[in-house]
Amino acid sequence: MNILLTNDDGIHAKGLWAMEKALSDEHQTTVVAPDTERSAVGHSITLTHPLRVNKIQTNGGWGHAVSGTPADCVKLAVLEILQARPDLVVSGINPGPNVGVNLNYSGTVSAAKEAALIGIPAIAVSQSSNPDLEYDAAAEFVAILIAKIMENGLPEGTFLNVNVPACSPDQIKGIRITKQGISRLKEAFLRRTDPRKQTYFWQGTETQMFDQDMDTDGAVLCRNYISITPIQCDMTDYQSMDNLRSWDIPLTKLTT
């Protein structure tokens, strides 16, 4: 299988190369990732300046460093860099969970979503924060999951968001198929004054508030389960469509 590897933490990130190491023996892998960290850029793409690509060696392997976002990397890889369309895209391994509302901001998740939008099966992979824990176990689990994707396939326009707990493999309690949590982040801005007496703001530490519903991604993750959430690119709220039709919205004469 031809697999495209990318991330939002930049081409030098350890999680990316742990993934490459776990997959390269059995698959043809190509690394195309941002040249620097692009965390929390969401699904942004670059339109106002050119993208540059440099092939570099880092962490024991060769990859393509792109001066753009994770979504840029997927687009550019598929349309220009790769000689053949990849069979699968794996984004990560991200250091820190991508659950709940974080999915709306995550570059890791958006790279997988970009692949799904253009019809390529994809996985976004994250591991809860733990500076003392390597990424080997998470990478090995993704290799197992890929075999299942090859066997069963994924629906068009759907990708998998995978979160692995930050604990030793023997402490992982199991696997749960989950839904995205909707609990909010606890956010704050730090107000500062620069040397010219102008006020500026620095976005403060975000505290993730997890749902207690054990069907949600964050709830199972903090209980040492691996969370797998199928995410659709189609954002339509189908249940609300009939309700909106019942509003009988009048079309009055519009100002020209």
Protein backbone atom coordinates (compact mmCIF):
# COMPACT_ATOMS: atom_id res chain seq x y z
CA MET A 1 0.00 0.00 0.00
CA ASN A 2 1.19 3.52 -0.82
CA ILE A 3 0.82 5.70 2.28
CA LEU A 4 1.26 9.46 2.55
CA LEU A 5 2.42 10.63 5.98
CA THR A 6 1.94 14.19 7.20
CA ASN A 7 1.29 16.18 10.39
CA ASP A 8 0.90 19.70 11.79
CA ASP A 9 3.95 19.69 14.09
CA GLY A 10 6.47 19.96 11.29
CA ILE A 11 8.69 17.56 9.42
CA HIS A 12 11.15 17.14 12.31
CA ALA A 13 8.50 15.93 14.80
CA LYS A 14 9.23 12.61 16.52
CA GLY A 15 5.66 11.34 16.23
CA LEU A 16 5.75 11.62 12.44
CA TRP A 17 8.91 9.55 12.16
CA ALA A 18 7.72 6.97 14.67
CA MET A 19 4.79 6.46 12.31
CA GLU A 20 7.10 6.20 9.32
CA LYS A 21 9.25 3.62 11.11
CA ALA A 22 6.24 1.48 12.02
CA LEU A 23 4.84 1.44 8.47
CA SER A 24 7.80 1.55 6.10
CA ASP A 25 8.68 -2.16 6.31
CA GLU A 26 5.31 -3.29 4.97
CA HIS A 27 4.21 -0.26 2.98
CA GLN A 28 5.58 2.31 0.56
CA THR A 29 5.64 5.50 2.63
CA THR A 30 6.23 9.13 1.63
CA VAL A 31 6.57 11.97 4.11
CA VAL A 32 5.21 15.38 3.07
CA ALA A 33 4.90 17.72 6.05
CA PRO A 34 5.11 21.42 6.97
CA ASP A 35 8.63 22.81 7.24
CA THR A 36 7.80 24.26 10.68
CA GLU A 37 5.09 23.71 13.29
CA ARG A 38 1.60 24.58 12.06
CA SER A 39 -0.47 23.52 15.06
CA ALA A 40 -4.07 24.75 15.38
CA VAL A 41 -4.22 26.18 11.85
CA GLY A 42 -7.38 24.20 11.14
CA HIS A 43 -8.16 23.59 7.48
CA SER A 44 -6.46 26.70 6.17
CA ILE A 45 -4.77 26.65 2.76
CA THR A 46 -2.21 29.00 1.26
CA LEU A 47 -3.45 31.32 -1.50
CA THR A 48 -1.52 34.59 -1.14
CA HIS A 49 2.06 33.38 -1.60
CA PRO A 50 3.85 30.50 -3.33
CA LEU A 51 4.52 27.16 -1.70
CA ARG A 52 8.09 25.89 -1.64
CA VAL A 53 9.17 22.28 -1.23
CA ASN A 54 12.57 21.03 -0.10
CA LYS A 55 13.56 17.39 0.18
CA ILE A 56 15.45 16.98 3.44
CA GLN A 57 16.86 14.25 5.65
CA THR A 58 15.84 14.21 9.30
CA ASN A 59 15.31 11.65 12.06
CA GLY A 60 16.92 8.99 9.90
CA GLY A 61 14.67 9.41 6.87
CA TRP A 62 13.95 11.58 3.84
CA GLY A 63 10.88 13.76 3.52
CA HIS A 64 9.44 16.74 1.66
CA ALA A 65 9.28 19.93 3.74
CA VAL A 66 6.52 22.28 2.56
CA SER A 67 6.24 25.98 3.42
CA GLY A 68 2.51 25.64 4.02
CA THR A 69 -0.26 24.13 6.11
CA PRO A 70 -1.14 20.46 6.67
CA ALA A 71 -3.97 20.73 4.13
CA ASP A 72 -1.50 22.27 1.65
CA CYS A 73 0.79 19.28 2.17
CA VAL A 74 -1.93 16.79 1.25
CA LYS A 75 -3.04 18.75 -1.81
CA LEU A 76 0.50 19.29 -3.05
CA ALA A 77 1.55 15.70 -2.41
CA VAL A 78 -1.38 14.24 -4.32
CA LEU A 79 -1.28 16.67 -7.24
CA GLU A 80 2.45 17.32 -7.67
CA ILE A 81 4.91 15.41 -5.49
CA LEU A 82 3.77 11.79 -5.59
CA GLN A 83 4.04 9.77 -8.76
CA ALA A 84 0.85 7.85 -7.92
CA ARG A 85 -2.22 8.67 -5.87
CA PRO A 86 -1.80 7.33 -2.30
CA ASP A 87 -4.01 4.53 -1.04
CA LEU A 88 -4.13 6.06 2.44
CA VAL A 89 -3.15 9.23 4.31
CA VAL A 90 -1.99 9.13 7.93
CA SER A 91 -1.69 12.44 9.79
CA GLY A 92 0.27 12.48 13.08
CA ILE A 93 1.25 11.30 15.56
CA ASN A 94 0.25 14.51 17.31
CA PRO A 95 1.67 15.16 20.81
CA GLY A 96 -1.52 15.89 22.70
CA PRO A 97 -5.13 14.76 22.24
CA ASN A 98 -7.42 15.92 19.46
CA VAL A 99 -10.88 15.36 20.93
CA GLY A 100 -14.08 17.34 21.36
CA VAL A 101 -14.10 20.87 19.97
CA ASN A 102 -10.36 20.65 19.27
CA LEU A 103 -11.22 18.89 16.01
CA ASN A 104 -12.34 22.27 14.65
CA TYR A 105 -8.87 23.78 15.15
CA SER A 106 -6.52 20.85 14.65
CA GLY A 107 -4.17 20.83 11.67
CA THR A 108 -3.62 17.11 12.29
CA VAL A 109 -7.32 16.39 11.85
CA SER A 110 -7.65 18.78 8.92
CA ALA A 111 -4.95 17.00 6.93
CA ALA A 112 -6.91 13.75 7.24
CA LYS A 113 -10.11 15.61 6.34
CA GLU A 114 -8.47 17.06 3.23
CA ALA A 115 -7.60 13.53 2.12
CA ALA A 116 -11.18 12.36 2.71
CA LEU A 117 -12.52 15.34 0.75
CA ILE A 118 -10.58 14.19 -2.32
CA GLY A 119 -11.61 10.57 -1.90
CA ILE A 120 -8.62 9.07 -0.11
CA PRO A 121 -9.09 7.03 3.10
CA ALA A 122 -7.37 8.74 6.02
CA ILE A 123 -6.51 8.53 9.71
CA ALA A 124 -5.67 11.36 12.12
CA VAL A 125 -3.60 10.08 15.06
CA SER A 126 -2.91 11.77 18.39
CA GLN A 127 -1.45 10.69 21.71
CA SER A 128 -2.23 12.31 25.04
CA SER A 129 0.55 14.55 26.34
CA ASN A 130 3.33 12.76 28.20
CA PRO A 131 6.94 13.91 27.60
CA ASP A 132 8.27 10.65 29.03
CA LEU A 133 6.32 8.40 26.65
CA GLU A 134 7.50 7.47 23.16
CA TYR A 135 5.15 6.98 20.21
CA ASP A 136 5.99 3.36 19.36
CA ALA A 137 2.85 1.78 20.82
CA ALA A 138 0.55 4.31 19.13
CA ALA A 139 2.32 3.75 15.81
CA GLU A 140 2.04 -0.03 16.15
CA PHE A 141 -1.69 0.29 16.85
CA VAL A 142 -2.17 2.39 13.71
CA ALA A 143 -0.40 -0.31 11.69
CA ILE A 144 -2.97 -2.81 13.00
CA LEU A 145 -5.82 -0.42 12.23
CA ILE A 146 -4.55 0.09 8.67
CA ALA A 147 -4.81 -3.65 8.06
CA LYS A 148 -8.47 -3.46 9.12
CA ILE A 149 -9.08 -0.51 6.80
CA MET A 150 -7.57 -2.50 3.93
CA GLU A 151 -9.92 -5.36 4.78
CA ASN A 152 -13.13 -3.38 5.31
CA GLY A 153 -12.65 0.03 3.67
CA LEU A 154 -14.08 3.37 4.79
CA PRO A 155 -17.18 5.16 3.49
CA GLU A 156 -16.60 7.94 0.98
CA GLY A 157 -15.98 11.23 2.78
CA THR A 158 -15.30 9.62 6.17
CA PHE A 159 -11.99 9.45 8.02
CA LEU A 160 -10.97 8.09 11.43
CA ASN A 161 -9.82 10.26 14.32
CA VAL A 162 -7.70 8.12 16.65
CA ASN A 163 -6.55 9.13 20.13
CA VAL A 164 -4.20 6.96 22.19
CA PRO A 165 -3.83 7.44 25.97
CA ALA A 166 -0.49 8.52 27.40
CA CYS A 167 0.27 5.34 29.32
CA SER A 168 2.31 2.21 28.88
CA PRO A 169 0.82 -0.42 26.53
CA ASP A 170 -0.05 -2.75 29.42
CA GLN A 171 -2.18 0.00 30.99
CA ILE A 172 -4.36 0.53 27.91
CA LYS A 173 -7.76 -0.91 28.85
CA GLY A 174 -9.09 -1.45 25.35
CA ILE A 175 -10.57 0.23 22.28
CA ARG A 176 -13.78 2.22 22.10
CA ILE A 177 -15.65 3.47 19.03
CA THR A 178 -16.74 6.93 20.07
CA LYS A 179 -18.52 10.10 19.04
CA GLN A 180 -17.00 13.56 19.14
CA GLY A 181 -17.50 15.29 22.45
CA ILE A 182 -19.03 18.76 22.51
CA SER A 183 -17.66 20.11 25.78
CA ARG A 184 -15.95 23.46 25.47
CA LEU A 185 -12.43 24.56 26.21
CA LYS A 186 -11.77 26.71 29.24
CA GLU A 187 -10.03 29.62 27.57
CA ALA A 188 -8.39 32.85 28.66
CA PHE A 189 -6.33 35.69 27.20
CA LEU A 190 -3.39 37.27 28.94
CA ARG A 191 -3.47 41.06 28.66
CA ARG A 192 0.00 42.58 28.30
CA THR A 193 1.51 45.99 27.56
CA ASP A 194 4.40 46.38 25.16
CA PRO A 195 7.32 48.85 25.62
CA ARG A 196 5.35 51.48 23.68
CA LYS A 197 2.44 51.25 26.12
CA GLN A 198 0.20 49.47 23.61
CA THR A 199 -2.05 46.68 24.85
CA TYR A 200 -1.77 43.25 23.27
CA PHE A 201 -3.24 39.85 24.06
CA TRP A 202 -1.63 36.43 24.31
CA GLN A 203 -3.97 33.47 24.18
CA GLY A 204 -3.57 31.59 27.45
CA THR A 205 -3.49 27.93 28.37
CA GLU A 206 -6.47 25.93 27.21
CA THR A 207 -7.98 23.44 29.65
CA GLN A 208 -9.86 20.62 27.95
CA MET A 209 -13.15 19.87 29.69
CA PHE A 210 -14.19 16.28 28.92
CA ASP A 211 -17.77 15.05 28.62
CA GLN A 212 -18.81 12.42 31.15
CA ASP A 213 -20.73 10.48 28.48
CA MET A 214 -18.70 7.30 27.96
CA ASP A 215 -19.59 7.31 24.27
CA THR A 216 -17.42 10.41 23.71
CA ASP A 217 -13.79 10.58 22.64
CA GLY A 218 -12.36 12.55 25.57
CA ALA A 219 -14.22 10.57 28.24
CA VAL A 220 -12.81 7.21 27.15
CA LEU A 221 -9.35 8.62 26.47
CA CYS A 222 -8.90 9.90 30.03
CA ARG A 223 -9.87 6.42 31.25
CA ASN A 224 -7.01 4.85 29.27
CA TYR A 225 -9.01 3.57 26.31
CA ILE A 226 -8.01 4.12 22.69
CA SER A 227 -10.69 6.25 21.05
CA ILE A 228 -11.64 5.80 17.38
CA THR A 229 -14.15 8.31 16.06
CA PRO A 230 -15.46 8.22 12.47
CA ILE A 231 -15.70 11.81 11.19
CA GLN A 232 -17.73 12.89 8.17
CA CYS A 233 -16.77 15.70 5.83
CA ASP A 234 -20.46 16.42 5.17
CA MET A 235 -21.35 18.89 7.95
CA THR A 236 -25.08 19.03 7.18
CA ASP A 237 -27.38 18.68 10.19
CA TYR A 238 -29.97 16.45 8.53
CA GLN A 239 -32.23 16.32 11.58
CA SER A 240 -32.66 20.09 11.41
CA MET A 241 -33.65 20.18 7.74
CA ASP A 242 -37.30 19.23 8.31
CA ASN A 243 -37.50 21.63 11.25
CA LEU A 244 -36.23 24.48 9.08
CA ARG A 245 -38.75 23.63 6.36
CA SER A 246 -41.53 24.00 8.94
CA TRP A 247 -40.52 27.61 9.59
CA ASP A 248 -42.30 28.68 6.38
CA ILE A 249 -39.85 31.53 5.83
CA PRO A 250 -41.53 34.19 3.64
CA LEU A 251 -39.79 35.54 0.58
CA THR A 252 -40.65 39.23 0.70
CA LYS A 253 -39.60 41.71 -1.94
CA LEU A 254 -35.86 42.12 -1.61
CA THR A 255 -34.07 45.42 -2.02
CA THR A 256 -32.20 45.63 -5.31
